[in-house]
Amino acid sequence: METPQYVAARIQRALAEDERTNELGIRVDVRGDQVFLRGQVSCEERRHGIEDVAREAAPGLTVHNEIRLLEVRAPGEEEHL
């Protein structure tokens, strides 16, 4: 049986190498048969694409997509604090 670290590394490598994602900024945590994806992306399509690649890289595991969407402001839009 693979260690959680090995499974996480395999998923992260898949996210980095898959042309659909080419993603380096997502944290992957594996606990038992559960995979947790955490980080931030700019759009919902990217969020779903990352989840798809993770599911393919870890068949049989339950993937929890906890990736949040970044708020993207229009150029020149004023930021209120």
PDB file of N, CA and C in Angstrom:
ATOM      1  N   MET A   1       0.835  -1.199   0.000  1.00  0.00           N
ATOM      2  CA  MET A   1       0.000   0.000   0.000  1.00  0.00           C
ATOM      3  C   MET A   1       0.877   1.260   0.000  1.00  0.00           C
ATOM      4  N   GLU A   2       0.468   2.239  -0.768  1.00  0.00           N
ATOM      5  CA  GLU A   2       1.241   3.478  -0.871  1.00  0.00           C
ATOM      6  C   GLU A   2       1.088   4.335   0.384  1.00  0.00           C
ATOM      7  N   THR A   3       2.158   5.046   0.724  1.00  0.00           N
ATOM      8  CA  THR A   3       2.079   5.969   1.850  1.00  0.00           C
ATOM      9  C   THR A   3       1.314   7.220   1.426  1.00  0.00           C
ATOM     10  N   PRO A   4       0.698   7.929   2.388  1.00  0.00           N
ATOM     11  CA  PRO A   4      -0.004   9.171   2.049  1.00  0.00           C
ATOM     12  C   PRO A   4       0.909  10.178   1.333  1.00  0.00           C
ATOM     13  N   GLN A   5       2.180  10.235   1.747  1.00  0.00           N
ATOM     14  CA  GLN A   5       3.102  11.184   1.121  1.00  0.00           C
ATOM     15  C   GLN A   5       3.316  10.839  -0.348  1.00  0.00           C
ATOM     16  N   TYR A   6       3.401   9.551  -0.654  1.00  0.00           N
ATOM     17  CA  TYR A   6       3.602   9.125  -2.034  1.00  0.00           C
ATOM     18  C   TYR A   6       2.376   9.458  -2.888  1.00  0.00           C
ATOM     19  N   VAL A   7       1.198   9.202  -2.339  1.00  0.00           N
ATOM     20  CA  VAL A   7      -0.044   9.505  -3.067  1.00  0.00           C
ATOM     21  C   VAL A   7      -0.138  11.009  -3.315  1.00  0.00           C
ATOM     22  N   ALA A   8       0.140  11.820  -2.285  1.00  0.00           N
ATOM     23  CA  ALA A   8       0.085  13.282  -2.435  1.00  0.00           C
ATOM     24  C   ALA A   8       1.073  13.743  -3.494  1.00  0.00           C
ATOM     25  N   ALA A   9       2.283  13.181  -3.492  1.00  0.00           N
ATOM     26  CA  ALA A   9       3.295  13.569  -4.472  1.00  0.00           C
ATOM     27  C   ALA A   9       2.849  13.191  -5.882  1.00  0.00           C
ATOM     28  N   ARG A  10       2.222  12.027  -6.025  1.00  0.00           N
ATOM     29  CA  ARG A  10       1.742  11.607  -7.340  1.00  0.00           C
ATOM     30  C   ARG A  10       0.663  12.564  -7.855  1.00  0.00           C
ATOM     31  N   ILE A  11      -0.246  12.975  -6.976  1.00  0.00           N
ATOM     32  CA  ILE A  11      -1.303  13.903  -7.382  1.00  0.00           C
ATOM     33  C   ILE A  11      -0.701  15.254  -7.740  1.00  0.00           C
ATOM     34  N   GLN A  12       0.236  15.751  -6.924  1.00  0.00           N
ATOM     35  CA  GLN A  12       0.854  17.048  -7.222  1.00  0.00           C
ATOM     36  C   GLN A  12       1.608  17.001  -8.545  1.00  0.00           C
ATOM     37  N   ARG A  13       2.288  15.886  -8.814  1.00  0.00           N
ATOM     38  CA  ARG A  13       3.000  15.755 -10.093  1.00  0.00           C
ATOM     39  C   ARG A  13       2.004  15.768 -11.253  1.00  0.00           C
ATOM     40  N   ALA A  14       0.876  15.066 -11.091  1.00  0.00           N
ATOM     41  CA  ALA A  14      -0.153  15.045 -12.133  1.00  0.00           C
ATOM     42  C   ALA A  14      -0.692  16.455 -12.379  1.00  0.00           C
ATOM     43  N   LEU A  15      -0.939  17.207 -11.305  1.00  0.00           N
ATOM     44  CA  LEU A  15      -1.448  18.580 -11.454  1.00  0.00           C
ATOM     45  C   LEU A  15      -0.439  19.463 -12.172  1.00  0.00           C
ATOM     46  N   ALA A  16       0.850  19.238 -11.907  1.00  0.00           N
ATOM     47  CA  ALA A  16       1.892  20.058 -12.542  1.00  0.00           C
ATOM     48  C   ALA A  16       2.076  19.687 -14.010  1.00  0.00           C
ATOM     49  N   GLU A  17       1.962  18.391 -14.332  1.00  0.00           N
ATOM     50  CA  GLU A  17       2.312  17.918 -15.675  1.00  0.00           C
ATOM     51  C   GLU A  17       1.133  17.846 -16.633  1.00  0.00           C
ATOM     52  N   ASP A  18      -0.089  17.744 -16.121  1.00  0.00           N
ATOM     53  CA  ASP A  18      -1.256  17.614 -17.003  1.00  0.00           C
ATOM     54  C   ASP A  18      -1.499  18.936 -17.714  1.00  0.00           C
ATOM     55  N   GLU A  19      -1.643  18.864 -19.033  1.00  0.00           N
ATOM     56  CA  GLU A  19      -1.823  20.107 -19.818  1.00  0.00           C
ATOM     57  C   GLU A  19      -3.112  20.836 -19.478  1.00  0.00           C
ATOM     58  N   ARG A  20      -4.080  20.144 -18.876  1.00  0.00           N
ATOM     59  CA  ARG A  20      -5.324  20.803 -18.489  1.00  0.00           C
ATOM     60  C   ARG A  20      -5.137  21.711 -17.285  1.00  0.00           C
ATOM     61  N   THR A  21      -4.117  21.434 -16.472  1.00  0.00           N
ATOM     62  CA  THR A  21      -3.961  22.197 -15.238  1.00  0.00           C
ATOM     63  C   THR A  21      -2.626  22.940 -15.155  1.00  0.00           C
ATOM     64  N   ASN A  22      -1.501  22.252 -15.376  1.00  0.00           N
ATOM     65  CA  ASN A  22      -0.164  22.848 -15.190  1.00  0.00           C
ATOM     66  C   ASN A  22      -0.127  23.668 -13.910  1.00  0.00           C
ATOM     67  N   GLU A  23      -0.591  23.073 -12.831  1.00  0.00           N
ATOM     68  CA  GLU A  23      -0.782  23.789 -11.573  1.00  0.00           C
ATOM     69  C   GLU A  23       0.263  23.387 -10.540  1.00  0.00           C
ATOM     70  N   LEU A  24       0.933  24.385  -9.959  1.00  0.00           N
ATOM     71  CA  LEU A  24       1.942  24.130  -8.938  1.00  0.00           C
ATOM     72  C   LEU A  24       1.512  24.618  -7.563  1.00  0.00           C
ATOM     73  N   GLY A  25       0.465  25.445  -7.502  1.00  0.00           N
ATOM     74  CA  GLY A  25       0.133  26.116  -6.254  1.00  0.00           C
ATOM     75  C   GLY A  25      -0.946  25.475  -5.408  1.00  0.00           C
ATOM     76  N   ILE A  26      -1.273  24.222  -5.667  1.00  0.00           N
ATOM     77  CA  ILE A  26      -2.329  23.563  -4.891  1.00  0.00           C
ATOM     78  C   ILE A  26      -1.705  22.618  -3.874  1.00  0.00           C
ATOM     79  N   ARG A  27      -2.162  22.721  -2.628  1.00  0.00           N
ATOM     80  CA  ARG A  27      -1.669  21.823  -1.587  1.00  0.00           C
ATOM     81  C   ARG A  27      -2.530  20.568  -1.582  1.00  0.00           C
ATOM     82  N   VAL A  28      -1.878  19.429  -1.530  1.00  0.00           N
ATOM     83  CA  VAL A  28      -2.570  18.138  -1.527  1.00  0.00           C
ATOM     84  C   VAL A  28      -2.260  17.438  -0.206  1.00  0.00           C
ATOM     85  N   ASP A  29      -3.305  17.143   0.569  1.00  0.00           N
ATOM     86  CA  ASP A  29      -3.150  16.395   1.815  1.00  0.00           C
ATOM     87  C   ASP A  29      -3.907  15.081   1.671  1.00  0.00           C
ATOM     88  N   VAL A  30      -3.269  13.987   2.077  1.00  0.00           N
ATOM     89  CA  VAL A  30      -3.907  12.669   2.008  1.00  0.00           C
ATOM     90  C   VAL A  30      -4.004  12.107   3.420  1.00  0.00           C
ATOM     91  N   ARG A  31      -5.221  11.742   3.799  1.00  0.00           N
ATOM     92  CA  ARG A  31      -5.456  11.095   5.099  1.00  0.00           C
ATOM     93  C   ARG A  31      -6.312   9.868   4.854  1.00  0.00           C
ATOM     94  N   GLY A  32      -5.697   8.711   4.996  1.00  0.00           N
ATOM     95  CA  GLY A  32      -6.422   7.467   4.724  1.00  0.00           C
ATOM     96  C   GLY A  32      -6.838   7.426   3.266  1.00  0.00           C
ATOM     97  N   ASP A  33      -8.144   7.263   3.029  1.00  0.00           N
ATOM     98  CA  ASP A  33      -8.627   7.243   1.639  1.00  0.00           C
ATOM     99  C   ASP A  33      -9.235   8.578   1.236  1.00  0.00           C
ATOM    100  N   GLN A  34      -8.861   9.638   1.958  1.00  0.00           N
ATOM    101  CA  GLN A  34      -9.390  10.983   1.694  1.00  0.00           C
ATOM    102  C   GLN A  34      -8.272  11.881   1.149  1.00  0.00           C
ATOM    103  N   VAL A  35      -8.578  12.620   0.085  1.00  0.00           N
ATOM    104  CA  VAL A  35      -7.642  13.579  -0.497  1.00  0.00           C
ATOM    105  C   VAL A  35      -8.261  14.967  -0.347  1.00  0.00           C
ATOM    106  N   PHE A  36      -7.467  15.910   0.182  1.00  0.00           N
ATOM    107  CA  PHE A  36      -7.935  17.278   0.357  1.00  0.00           C
ATOM    108  C   PHE A  36      -7.114  18.197  -0.540  1.00  0.00           C
ATOM    109  N   LEU A  37      -7.798  18.943  -1.395  1.00  0.00           N
ATOM    110  CA  LEU A  37      -7.142  19.911  -2.279  1.00  0.00           C
ATOM    111  C   LEU A  37      -7.384  21.300  -1.708  1.00  0.00           C
ATOM    112  N   ARG A  38      -6.281  22.052  -1.511  1.00  0.00           N
ATOM    113  CA  ARG A  38      -6.422  23.398  -0.941  1.00  0.00           C
ATOM    114  C   ARG A  38      -5.560  24.373  -1.720  1.00  0.00           C
ATOM    115  N   GLY A  39      -6.068  25.598  -1.819  1.00  0.00           N
ATOM    116  CA  GLY A  39      -5.345  26.648  -2.515  1.00  0.00           C
ATOM    117  C   GLY A  39      -6.341  27.636  -3.092  1.00  0.00           C
ATOM    118  N   GLN A  40      -5.856  28.451  -4.008  1.00  0.00           N
ATOM    119  CA  GLN A  40      -6.713  29.448  -4.644  1.00  0.00           C
ATOM    120  C   GLN A  40      -6.473  29.442  -6.146  1.00  0.00           C
ATOM    121  N   VAL A  41      -7.549  29.598  -6.894  1.00  0.00           N
ATOM    122  CA  VAL A  41      -7.472  29.709  -8.350  1.00  0.00           C
ATOM    123  C   VAL A  41      -8.385  30.848  -8.796  1.00  0.00           C
ATOM    124  N   SER A  42      -8.269  31.219 -10.061  1.00  0.00           N
ATOM    125  CA  SER A  42      -8.965  32.409 -10.554  1.00  0.00           C
ATOM    126  C   SER A  42     -10.364  32.134 -11.103  1.00  0.00           C
ATOM    127  N   CYS A  43     -10.695  30.865 -11.413  1.00  0.00           N
ATOM    128  CA  CYS A  43     -12.029  30.623 -11.987  1.00  0.00           C
ATOM    129  C   CYS A  43     -12.538  29.225 -11.637  1.00  0.00           C
ATOM    130  N   GLU A  44     -13.845  29.078 -11.712  1.00  0.00           N
ATOM    131  CA  GLU A  44     -14.513  27.816 -11.374  1.00  0.00           C
ATOM    132  C   GLU A  44     -14.082  26.679 -12.296  1.00  0.00           C
ATOM    133  N   GLU A  45     -13.860  26.974 -13.593  1.00  0.00           N
ATOM    134  CA  GLU A  45     -13.442  25.930 -14.540  1.00  0.00           C
ATOM    135  C   GLU A  45     -12.105  25.330 -14.120  1.00  0.00           C
ATOM    136  N   ARG A  46     -11.188  26.191 -13.684  1.00  0.00           N
ATOM    137  CA  ARG A  46      -9.870  25.721 -13.246  1.00  0.00           C
ATOM    138  C   ARG A  46     -10.012  24.855 -11.986  1.00  0.00           C
ATOM    139  N   ARG A  47     -10.858  25.287 -11.088  1.00  0.00           N
ATOM    140  CA  ARG A  47     -11.108  24.548  -9.856  1.00  0.00           C
ATOM    141  C   ARG A  47     -11.599  23.132 -10.177  1.00  0.00           C
ATOM    142  N   HIS A  48     -12.544  23.019 -11.105  1.00  0.00           N
ATOM    143  CA  HIS A  48     -13.081  21.712 -11.478  1.00  0.00           C
ATOM    144  C   HIS A  48     -12.040  20.887 -12.235  1.00  0.00           C
ATOM    145  N   GLY A  49     -11.242  21.524 -13.077  1.00  0.00           N
ATOM    146  CA  GLY A  49     -10.199  20.807 -13.820  1.00  0.00           C
ATOM    147  C   GLY A  49      -9.181  20.180 -12.885  1.00  0.00           C
ATOM    148  N   ILE A  50      -8.806  20.915 -11.854  1.00  0.00           N
ATOM    149  CA  ILE A  50      -7.845  20.397 -10.872  1.00  0.00           C
ATOM    150  C   ILE A  50      -8.441  19.185 -10.149  1.00  0.00           C
ATOM    151  N   GLU A  51      -9.706  19.286  -9.794  1.00  0.00           N
ATOM    152  CA  GLU A  51     -10.376  18.158  -9.134  1.00  0.00           C
ATOM    153  C   GLU A  51     -10.406  16.933 -10.044  1.00  0.00           C
ATOM    154  N   ASP A  52     -10.704  17.128 -11.331  1.00  0.00           N
ATOM    155  CA  ASP A  52     -10.747  16.016 -12.287  1.00  0.00           C
ATOM    156  C   ASP A  52      -9.396  15.318 -12.380  1.00  0.00           C
ATOM    157  N   VAL A  53      -8.323  16.094 -12.500  1.00  0.00           N
ATOM    158  CA  VAL A  53      -6.982  15.520 -12.611  1.00  0.00           C
ATOM    159  C   VAL A  53      -6.625  14.766 -11.329  1.00  0.00           C
ATOM    160  N   ALA A  54      -6.966  15.332 -10.174  1.00  0.00           N
ATOM    161  CA  ALA A  54      -6.678  14.671  -8.901  1.00  0.00           C
ATOM    162  C   ALA A  54      -7.429  13.344  -8.796  1.00  0.00           C
ATOM    163  N   ARG A  55      -8.683  13.313  -9.229  1.00  0.00           N
ATOM    164  CA  ARG A  55      -9.462  12.064  -9.170  1.00  0.00           C
ATOM    165  C   ARG A  55      -8.837  10.995 -10.073  1.00  0.00           C
ATOM    166  N   GLU A  56      -8.359  11.403 -11.250  1.00  0.00           N
ATOM    167  CA  GLU A  56      -7.733  10.454 -12.173  1.00  0.00           C
ATOM    168  C   GLU A  56      -6.413   9.933 -11.606  1.00  0.00           C
ATOM    169  N   ALA A  57      -5.678  10.782 -10.871  1.00  0.00           N
ATOM    170  CA  ALA A  57      -4.379  10.386 -10.316  1.00  0.00           C
ATOM    171  C   ALA A  57      -4.536   9.526  -9.069  1.00  0.00           C
ATOM    172  N   ALA A  58      -5.715   9.547  -8.452  1.00  0.00           N
ATOM    173  CA  ALA A  58      -5.940   8.795  -7.215  1.00  0.00           C
ATOM    174  C   ALA A  58      -7.268   8.050  -7.280  1.00  0.00           C
ATOM    175  N   PRO A  59      -7.382   7.106  -8.216  1.00  0.00           N
ATOM    176  CA  PRO A  59      -8.649   6.372  -8.329  1.00  0.00           C
ATOM    177  C   PRO A  59      -8.937   5.607  -7.040  1.00  0.00           C
ATOM    178  N   GLY A  60     -10.203   5.591  -6.661  1.00  0.00           N
ATOM    179  CA  GLY A  60     -10.593   4.868  -5.458  1.00  0.00           C
ATOM    180  C   GLY A  60     -10.534   5.702  -4.193  1.00  0.00           C
ATOM    181  N   LEU A  61      -9.954   6.900  -4.275  1.00  0.00           N
ATOM    182  CA  LEU A  61      -9.906   7.775  -3.108  1.00  0.00           C
ATOM    183  C   LEU A  61     -10.988   8.839  -3.230  1.00  0.00           C
ATOM    184  N   THR A  62     -11.438   9.349  -2.110  1.00  0.00           N
ATOM    185  CA  THR A  62     -12.442  10.410  -2.092  1.00  0.00           C
ATOM    186  C   THR A  62     -11.727  11.753  -2.113  1.00  0.00           C
ATOM    187  N   VAL A  63     -12.035  12.579  -3.108  1.00  0.00           N
ATOM    188  CA  VAL A  63     -11.386  13.883  -3.262  1.00  0.00           C
ATOM    189  C   VAL A  63     -12.305  14.978  -2.722  1.00  0.00           C
ATOM    190  N   HIS A  64     -11.759  15.782  -1.800  1.00  0.00           N
ATOM    191  CA  HIS A  64     -12.476  16.929  -1.251  1.00  0.00           C
ATOM    192  C   HIS A  64     -11.852  18.182  -1.827  1.00  0.00           C
ATOM    193  N   ASN A  65     -12.612  18.882  -2.637  1.00  0.00           N
ATOM    194  CA  ASN A  65     -12.103  20.086  -3.293  1.00  0.00           C
ATOM    195  C   ASN A  65     -12.379  21.294  -2.400  1.00  0.00           C
ATOM    196  N   GLU A  66     -11.349  21.748  -1.700  1.00  0.00           N
ATOM    197  CA  GLU A  66     -11.479  22.910  -0.814  1.00  0.00           C
ATOM    198  C   GLU A  66     -10.780  24.129  -1.423  1.00  0.00           C
ATOM    199  N   ILE A  67     -10.575  24.085  -2.730  1.00  0.00           N
ATOM    200  CA  ILE A  67      -9.924  25.196  -3.431  1.00  0.00           C
ATOM    201  C   ILE A  67     -10.890  26.371  -3.484  1.00  0.00           C
ATOM    202  N   ARG A  68     -10.370  27.542  -3.139  1.00  0.00           N
ATOM    203  CA  ARG A  68     -11.200  28.757  -3.147  1.00  0.00           C
ATOM    204  C   ARG A  68     -10.929  29.563  -4.410  1.00  0.00           C
ATOM    205  N   LEU A  69     -11.920  30.365  -4.765  1.00  0.00           N
ATOM    206  CA  LEU A  69     -11.777  31.253  -5.914  1.00  0.00           C
ATOM    207  C   LEU A  69     -11.225  32.594  -5.441  1.00  0.00           C
ATOM    208  N   LEU A  70     -10.243  33.090  -6.169  1.00  0.00           N
ATOM    209  CA  LEU A  70      -9.703  34.420  -5.895  1.00  0.00           C
ATOM    210  C   LEU A  70     -10.690  35.457  -6.385  1.00  0.00           C
ATOM    211  N   GLU A  71     -10.789  36.551  -5.655  1.00  0.00           N
ATOM    212  CA  GLU A  71     -11.575  37.674  -6.169  1.00  0.00           C
ATOM    213  C   GLU A  71     -10.690  38.444  -7.121  1.00  0.00           C
ATOM    214  N   VAL A  72     -11.093  38.494  -8.361  1.00  0.00           N
ATOM    215  CA  VAL A  72     -10.299  39.210  -9.355  1.00  0.00           C
ATOM    216  C   VAL A  72     -10.971  40.554  -9.616  1.00  0.00           C
ATOM    217  N   ARG A  73     -10.226  41.618  -9.374  1.00  0.00           N
ATOM    218  CA  ARG A  73     -10.757  42.967  -9.596  1.00  0.00           C
ATOM    219  C   ARG A  73     -10.382  43.451 -10.992  1.00  0.00           C
ATOM    220  N   ALA A  74     -11.248  44.268 -11.541  1.00  0.00           N
ATOM    221  CA  ALA A  74     -10.950  44.874 -12.843  1.00  0.00           C
ATOM    222  C   ALA A  74      -9.755  45.823 -12.657  1.00  0.00           C
ATOM    223  N   PRO A  75      -8.909  45.959 -13.701  1.00  0.00           N
ATOM    224  CA  PRO A  75      -7.775  46.886 -13.579  1.00  0.00           C
ATOM    225  C   PRO A  75      -8.259  48.288 -13.235  1.00  0.00           C
ATOM    226  N   GLY A  76      -7.629  48.900 -12.259  1.00  0.00           N
ATOM    227  CA  GLY A  76      -7.994  50.255 -11.882  1.00  0.00           C
ATOM    228  C   GLY A  76      -9.144  50.343 -10.906  1.00  0.00           C
ATOM    229  N   GLU A  77      -9.754  49.201 -10.603  1.00  0.00           N
ATOM    230  CA  GLU A  77     -10.864  49.209  -9.654  1.00  0.00           C
ATOM    231  C   GLU A  77     -10.307  49.512  -8.268  1.00  0.00           C
ATOM    232  N   GLU A  78     -10.996  50.372  -7.575  1.00  0.00           N
ATOM    233  CA  GLU A  78     -10.526  50.802  -6.265  1.00  0.00           C
ATOM    234  C   GLU A  78     -10.763  49.715  -5.223  1.00  0.00           C
ATOM    235  N   GLU A  79      -9.774  49.529  -4.371  1.00  0.00           N
ATOM    236  CA  GLU A  79      -9.911  48.549  -3.287  1.00  0.00           C
ATOM    237  C   GLU A  79     -10.304  49.282  -2.014  1.00  0.00           C
ATOM    238  N   HIS A  80     -11.367  48.809  -1.368  1.00  0.00           N
ATOM    239  CA  HIS A  80     -11.819  49.427  -0.123  1.00  0.00           C
ATOM    240  C   HIS A  80     -11.404  48.560   1.049  1.00  0.00           C
ATOM    241  N   LEU A  81     -10.744  49.134   2.006  1.00  0.00           N
ATOM    242  CA  LEU A  81     -10.291  48.388   3.172  1.00  0.00           C
ATOM    243  C   LEU A  81     -11.179  48.659   4.363  1.00  0.00           C
TER     244      LEU A  81
END
